[in-house]
C-alpha cells in the first residue's frame, strides 16, 4: 500500500498507477482530482476533512474501501452507490447515526 499525504505535494500519477492507496488528509481542494484520476482497487481514506462524500461512487475500480476519521460527514448515501465494493470499513464517523442503504451493497464479503 502506498501512502500519500494529500496536503503536501505529490506525484498525481500515483493515483492512476497504484493498486492500493492510503490517502491521508483529504480535503475539498484535492477531492475532484481523486474522483477524476484514482484507479486504485483498494483505498484507505484517513482524516477526511470533507463535508460530504458526494461523487465517491465515481471510483468504479475500487472494490475495497476503508473510511477513517471524518468528523463532518453525516451521511453515507454516496458510498452505498458503490455496488462493486466487496470490502467496506467505516471507522470514527461521530456524526453518522443511520446506515440505512447499506443493504444495497450486495457484493460485500467483509
Protein backbone atom coordinates (compact mmCIF):
# COMPACT_ATOMS: atom_id res chain seq x y z
CA UNK A 1 0.00 0.00 0.00
CA UNK A 2 1.33 3.41 -0.99
CA UNK A 3 0.70 6.25 1.48
CA UNK A 4 0.12 9.75 0.10
CA UNK A 5 -0.23 12.84 2.27
CA UNK A 6 -2.69 14.85 0.21
CA UNK A 7 -1.93 18.13 1.98
CA UNK A 8 1.63 18.04 0.60
CA UNK A 9 2.95 17.99 -2.96
CA UNK A 10 2.82 14.50 -4.50
CA UNK A 11 3.03 12.83 -7.89
CA UNK A 12 -0.59 12.77 -9.13
CA UNK A 13 0.31 9.95 -11.50
CA UNK A 14 0.38 7.64 -8.46
CA UNK A 15 -3.41 7.96 -8.36
CA UNK A 16 -3.68 6.26 -11.74
CA UNK A 17 -0.99 3.60 -11.38
CA UNK A 18 -1.04 2.25 -7.82
CA UNK A 19 -3.25 -0.74 -6.93
CA UNK A 20 -3.55 0.05 -3.20
CA UNK A 21 -3.56 3.58 -1.76
CA UNK A 22 -3.58 5.06 1.73
CA UNK A 23 -4.75 8.64 1.15
CA UNK A 24 -4.46 10.97 4.12
CA UNK A 25 -5.76 14.47 4.86
CA UNK A 26 -8.46 14.53 2.20
CA UNK A 27 -9.99 17.96 1.63
CA UNK A 28 -12.25 19.65 -0.92
CA UNK A 29 -9.34 21.04 -2.95
CA UNK A 30 -7.98 17.60 -3.87
CA UNK A 31 -11.29 15.67 -3.89
CA UNK A 32 -12.15 16.40 -7.57
CA UNK A 33 -8.71 15.16 -8.66
CA UNK A 34 -9.13 11.97 -6.64
CA UNK A 35 -12.51 11.33 -8.25
CA UNK A 36 -11.17 12.00 -11.73
CA UNK A 37 -7.85 10.15 -11.62
CA UNK A 38 -7.88 7.45 -8.96
CA UNK A 39 -7.90 3.88 -10.30
CA UNK A 40 -6.89 2.01 -7.15
CA UNK A 41 -8.74 -1.18 -6.28
CA UNK A 42 -8.01 -0.70 -2.58
CA UNK A 43 -8.31 2.70 -0.95
CA UNK A 44 -7.95 3.76 2.66
CA UNK A 45 -9.03 7.37 3.23
CA UNK A 46 -7.73 8.64 6.57
CA UNK A 47 -8.58 12.06 8.06
CA UNK A 48 -11.38 13.07 5.75
CA UNK A 49 -11.96 16.82 6.02
CA UNK A 50 -14.89 16.90 3.59
CA UNK A 51 -18.48 17.78 4.47
CA UNK A 52 -19.77 15.03 2.18
CA UNK A 53 -18.57 12.05 0.16
CA UNK A 54 -20.62 13.12 -2.87
CA UNK A 55 -19.08 11.71 -6.02
CA UNK A 56 -17.29 8.78 -4.38
CA UNK A 57 -19.39 6.42 -6.49
CA UNK A 58 -17.27 7.57 -9.48
CA UNK A 59 -14.43 5.40 -8.13
CA UNK A 60 -15.61 2.44 -10.25
CA UNK A 61 -12.41 0.41 -9.92
CA UNK A 62 -12.41 0.48 -6.11
CA UNK A 63 -13.52 -2.81 -4.56
CA UNK A 64 -12.06 -2.37 -1.07
CA UNK A 65 -12.72 0.85 0.82
CA UNK A 66 -11.73 1.99 4.30
CA UNK A 67 -13.07 5.33 5.52
CA UNK A 68 -11.50 6.53 8.74
CA UNK A 69 -11.83 9.69 10.83
CA UNK A 70 -14.37 12.06 9.35
CA UNK A 71 -15.84 14.47 11.88
CA UNK A 72 -18.01 16.50 9.45
CA UNK A 73 -19.74 13.79 7.40
CA UNK A 74 -23.27 12.92 8.48
CA UNK A 75 -24.41 10.66 5.63
CA UNK A 76 -23.05 7.72 3.65
CA UNK A 77 -25.57 7.56 0.79
CA UNK A 78 -22.88 8.10 -1.91
CA UNK A 79 -20.87 5.16 -0.53
CA UNK A 80 -23.93 2.92 -0.72
CA UNK A 81 -24.00 3.53 -4.51
CA UNK A 82 -20.63 1.74 -4.89
CA UNK A 83 -22.13 -1.61 -5.89
CA UNK A 84 -18.75 -3.05 -6.85
CA UNK A 85 -17.47 -2.96 -3.24
CA UNK A 86 -16.53 -6.29 -1.70
CA UNK A 87 -14.98 -4.79 1.46
CA UNK A 88 -16.05 -1.73 3.46
CA UNK A 89 -14.81 -0.41 6.79
CA UNK A 90 -16.22 2.76 8.34
CA UNK A 91 -14.27 3.98 11.37
CA UNK A 92 -14.66 7.07 13.57
CA UNK A 93 -17.56 8.91 11.92
CA UNK A 94 -19.13 10.53 15.01
CA UNK A 95 -22.00 12.22 13.10
CA UNK A 96 -23.25 9.01 11.47
CA UNK A 97 -26.33 7.72 13.21
CA UNK A 98 -28.02 5.86 10.36
CA UNK A 99 -26.64 3.36 7.86
CA UNK A 100 -29.90 2.80 6.00
CA UNK A 101 -28.99 1.87 2.46
CA UNK A 102 -26.04 -0.35 3.28
CA UNK A 103 -28.06 -3.35 2.11
CA UNK A 104 -27.68 -2.08 -1.46
CA UNK A 105 -24.03 -3.21 -1.31
CA UNK A 106 -24.82 -6.74 -2.44
CA UNK A 107 -21.21 -7.77 -3.17
CA UNK A 108 -19.85 -7.06 0.32
CA UNK A 109 -17.91 -10.03 1.66
CA UNK A 110 -16.40 -8.30 4.67
